[in-house]
Every structure is written in structure tokens, then in C-alpha cells.
Amino acid sequence: MKIFQGTSFSPETIAAMTQALDAAVETLPEQVSSGRVQALAKNIVDLASQGERDPERMKLLALLALQAKAPD
């Protein structure tokens, strides 16, 4: 996956990212495309790359970014 190239995270950060992604996916409708899940994952990786470490904040910001990119 291209989004992970050149990126390194501590085990604690990976755990926070995993928690954020799992929680974010749980809020999505049952029938969600893999592209939307990948977009969430990319948003979370981007947030962690910028220094965010709070899983709840990563979840909320990733969902907001996904919503902002959603077609009307």
C-alpha cells in the first residue's frame, strides 16, 4: 500500500491508529465500500504522521475528512 511507504510508527502509535480505525469503521453503515475504509485508513495515517496520538481524535478527524470528501 503506497500510503505506508517511508513511514515508521512506534508500537503504541500503531495501536492507537488501529483503535481509531476500528472505531471509525464501526460507525459506518453495514454496506460500505473498501475504498471508503481505505480513505479512513489513509486519513488516520496522515494524522499520525502529523503527530496526533489520541485514537478518539484520530477517529473523529478521519470521519470528518471522509464526510467532507463524500459526494452530495
N, C-alpha and C. Protein backbone atom coordinates (compact mmCIF):
# COMPACT_ATOMS: atom_id res chain seq x y z
N MET A 1 0.84 -1.17 0.00
CA MET A 1 0.00 0.00 0.00
C MET A 1 0.89 1.24 0.00
N LYS A 2 0.71 2.14 -0.89
CA LYS A 2 1.57 3.30 -1.05
C LYS A 2 1.57 4.21 0.17
N ILE A 3 0.47 4.32 0.90
CA ILE A 3 0.40 5.28 2.00
C ILE A 3 1.38 4.97 3.11
N PHE A 4 1.92 3.76 3.17
CA PHE A 4 2.83 3.39 4.24
C PHE A 4 4.29 3.50 3.84
N GLN A 5 4.59 3.82 2.62
CA GLN A 5 5.98 3.90 2.18
C GLN A 5 6.71 5.03 2.90
N GLY A 6 7.87 4.69 3.47
CA GLY A 6 8.68 5.70 4.13
C GLY A 6 8.15 6.17 5.46
N THR A 7 7.17 5.46 6.02
CA THR A 7 6.56 5.86 7.27
C THR A 7 6.91 4.84 8.34
N SER A 8 7.24 5.34 9.53
CA SER A 8 7.57 4.47 10.64
C SER A 8 6.84 4.96 11.89
N PHE A 9 6.20 4.05 12.61
CA PHE A 9 5.46 4.39 13.82
C PHE A 9 5.85 3.45 14.94
N SER A 10 5.77 3.94 16.16
CA SER A 10 6.03 3.11 17.33
C SER A 10 4.88 2.12 17.52
N PRO A 11 5.11 1.05 18.26
CA PRO A 11 4.02 0.10 18.53
C PRO A 11 2.81 0.77 19.21
N GLU A 12 3.08 1.74 20.08
CA GLU A 12 1.99 2.44 20.76
C GLU A 12 1.16 3.26 19.77
N THR A 13 1.83 3.89 18.82
CA THR A 13 1.11 4.68 17.82
C THR A 13 0.31 3.77 16.90
N ILE A 14 0.88 2.64 16.53
CA ILE A 14 0.15 1.68 15.68
C ILE A 14 -1.09 1.18 16.41
N ALA A 15 -0.97 0.94 17.70
CA ALA A 15 -2.13 0.50 18.49
C ALA A 15 -3.21 1.59 18.51
N ALA A 16 -2.81 2.84 18.66
CA ALA A 16 -3.77 3.95 18.66
C ALA A 16 -4.43 4.10 17.29
N MET A 17 -3.64 3.94 16.23
CA MET A 17 -4.19 4.03 14.87
C MET A 17 -5.18 2.89 14.62
N THR A 18 -4.84 1.70 15.07
CA THR A 18 -5.73 0.55 14.91
C THR A 18 -7.03 0.77 15.65
N GLN A 19 -6.93 1.27 16.88
CA GLN A 19 -8.12 1.56 17.68
C GLN A 19 -8.99 2.60 16.98
N ALA A 20 -8.36 3.64 16.44
CA ALA A 20 -9.09 4.69 15.75
C ALA A 20 -9.80 4.15 14.51
N LEU A 21 -9.10 3.34 13.73
CA LEU A 21 -9.70 2.80 12.50
C LEU A 21 -10.85 1.85 12.84
N ASP A 22 -10.64 0.96 13.80
CA ASP A 22 -11.71 0.04 14.18
C ASP A 22 -12.95 0.79 14.66
N ALA A 23 -12.75 1.81 15.48
CA ALA A 23 -13.88 2.59 15.99
C ALA A 23 -14.57 3.37 14.87
N ALA A 24 -13.80 3.90 13.94
CA ALA A 24 -14.37 4.66 12.83
C ALA A 24 -15.19 3.75 11.92
N VAL A 25 -14.66 2.57 11.62
CA VAL A 25 -15.37 1.63 10.74
C VAL A 25 -16.68 1.20 11.38
N GLU A 26 -16.70 1.05 12.70
CA GLU A 26 -17.93 0.65 13.40
C GLU A 26 -19.05 1.67 13.23
N THR A 27 -18.70 2.93 12.96
CA THR A 27 -19.72 3.96 12.81
C THR A 27 -20.31 4.01 11.40
N LEU A 28 -19.66 3.33 10.46
CA LEU A 28 -20.11 3.36 9.07
C LEU A 28 -21.28 2.40 8.86
N PRO A 29 -22.08 2.65 7.82
CA PRO A 29 -23.17 1.72 7.51
C PRO A 29 -22.61 0.34 7.17
N GLU A 30 -23.43 -0.67 7.31
CA GLU A 30 -23.01 -2.05 7.03
C GLU A 30 -22.44 -2.22 5.62
N GLN A 31 -23.06 -1.64 4.65
CA GLN A 31 -22.63 -1.77 3.25
C GLN A 31 -21.72 -0.59 2.89
N VAL A 32 -20.45 -0.72 3.22
CA VAL A 32 -19.51 0.37 2.93
C VAL A 32 -18.42 -0.17 2.01
N SER A 33 -18.01 0.64 1.07
CA SER A 33 -17.02 0.20 0.10
C SER A 33 -15.63 0.12 0.74
N SER A 34 -14.81 -0.74 0.18
CA SER A 34 -13.44 -0.86 0.66
C SER A 34 -12.67 0.44 0.42
N GLY A 35 -13.06 1.18 -0.61
CA GLY A 35 -12.43 2.46 -0.89
C GLY A 35 -12.62 3.46 0.23
N ARG A 36 -13.79 3.43 0.85
CA ARG A 36 -14.06 4.34 1.97
C ARG A 36 -13.25 3.93 3.20
N VAL A 37 -13.12 2.63 3.42
CA VAL A 37 -12.31 2.15 4.54
C VAL A 37 -10.85 2.51 4.30
N GLN A 38 -10.37 2.37 3.07
CA GLN A 38 -9.00 2.76 2.74
C GLN A 38 -8.80 4.26 2.93
N ALA A 39 -9.80 5.05 2.58
CA ALA A 39 -9.70 6.50 2.77
C ALA A 39 -9.61 6.84 4.25
N LEU A 40 -10.39 6.14 5.08
CA LEU A 40 -10.29 6.33 6.52
C LEU A 40 -8.88 5.99 7.01
N ALA A 41 -8.37 4.85 6.56
CA ALA A 41 -7.03 4.42 6.98
C ALA A 41 -5.98 5.46 6.57
N LYS A 42 -6.09 5.97 5.36
CA LYS A 42 -5.14 6.98 4.89
C LYS A 42 -5.23 8.24 5.75
N ASN A 43 -6.45 8.66 6.06
CA ASN A 43 -6.63 9.84 6.90
C ASN A 43 -5.97 9.63 8.27
N ILE A 44 -6.13 8.46 8.84
CA ILE A 44 -5.55 8.16 10.15
C ILE A 44 -4.03 8.14 10.07
N VAL A 45 -3.49 7.54 9.04
CA VAL A 45 -2.03 7.54 8.86
C VAL A 45 -1.52 8.98 8.71
N ASP A 46 -2.22 9.77 7.93
CA ASP A 46 -1.82 11.17 7.76
C ASP A 46 -1.84 11.91 9.10
N LEU A 47 -2.88 11.69 9.89
CA LEU A 47 -2.97 12.34 11.20
C LEU A 47 -1.83 11.91 12.12
N ALA A 48 -1.55 10.61 12.14
CA ALA A 48 -0.45 10.11 12.97
C ALA A 48 0.89 10.66 12.49
N SER A 49 1.04 10.81 11.19
CA SER A 49 2.27 11.38 10.62
C SER A 49 2.46 12.83 11.06
N GLN A 50 1.34 13.50 11.34
CA GLN A 50 1.39 14.89 11.79
C GLN A 50 1.53 14.99 13.31
N GLY A 51 1.60 13.84 13.99
CA GLY A 51 1.83 13.86 15.43
C GLY A 51 0.64 13.54 16.30
N GLU A 52 -0.53 13.34 15.70
CA GLU A 52 -1.71 13.01 16.50
C GLU A 52 -1.56 11.62 17.10
N ARG A 53 -1.89 11.46 18.38
CA ARG A 53 -1.77 10.17 19.03
C ARG A 53 -3.04 9.74 19.77
N ASP A 54 -4.03 10.62 19.86
CA ASP A 54 -5.28 10.31 20.56
C ASP A 54 -6.20 9.54 19.60
N PRO A 55 -6.52 8.27 19.92
CA PRO A 55 -7.33 7.47 19.00
C PRO A 55 -8.73 8.07 18.75
N GLU A 56 -9.33 8.64 19.76
CA GLU A 56 -10.67 9.23 19.59
C GLU A 56 -10.60 10.44 18.66
N ARG A 57 -9.59 11.25 18.84
CA ARG A 57 -9.42 12.42 17.97
C ARG A 57 -9.11 11.99 16.53
N MET A 58 -8.25 10.98 16.36
CA MET A 58 -7.96 10.48 15.02
C MET A 58 -9.24 9.96 14.37
N LYS A 59 -10.04 9.22 15.12
CA LYS A 59 -11.30 8.69 14.58
C LYS A 59 -12.19 9.83 14.10
N LEU A 60 -12.42 10.81 14.97
CA LEU A 60 -13.31 11.91 14.62
C LEU A 60 -12.81 12.72 13.43
N LEU A 61 -11.53 13.04 13.43
CA LEU A 61 -10.97 13.82 12.32
C LEU A 61 -10.98 13.04 11.01
N ALA A 62 -10.71 11.74 11.08
CA ALA A 62 -10.74 10.91 9.87
C ALA A 62 -12.15 10.82 9.31
N LEU A 63 -13.14 10.68 10.20
CA LEU A 63 -14.54 10.63 9.74
C LEU A 63 -14.97 11.97 9.15
N LEU A 64 -14.55 13.06 9.76
CA LEU A 64 -14.88 14.38 9.21
C LEU A 64 -14.26 14.57 7.83
N ALA A 65 -13.02 14.14 7.67
CA ALA A 65 -12.36 14.26 6.36
C ALA A 65 -13.08 13.40 5.33
N LEU A 66 -13.51 12.22 5.73
CA LEU A 66 -14.24 11.33 4.82
C LEU A 66 -15.58 11.97 4.42
N GLN A 67 -16.25 12.55 5.39
CA GLN A 67 -17.53 13.22 5.12
C GLN A 67 -17.34 14.40 4.18
N ALA A 68 -16.27 15.15 4.37
CA ALA A 68 -16.02 16.32 3.54
C ALA A 68 -15.75 15.93 2.08
N LYS A 69 -15.19 14.72 1.87
CA LYS A 69 -14.90 14.27 0.51
C LYS A 69 -16.06 13.52 -0.13
N ALA A 70 -17.11 13.22 0.65
CA ALA A 70 -18.23 12.44 0.13
C ALA A 70 -19.03 13.26 -0.87
N PRO A 71 -19.48 12.60 -1.94
CA PRO A 71 -20.32 13.32 -2.91
C PRO A 71 -21.66 13.65 -2.29
N ASP A 72 -22.24 14.77 -2.70
CA ASP A 72 -23.55 15.20 -2.16
C ASP A 72 -24.67 14.30 -2.56
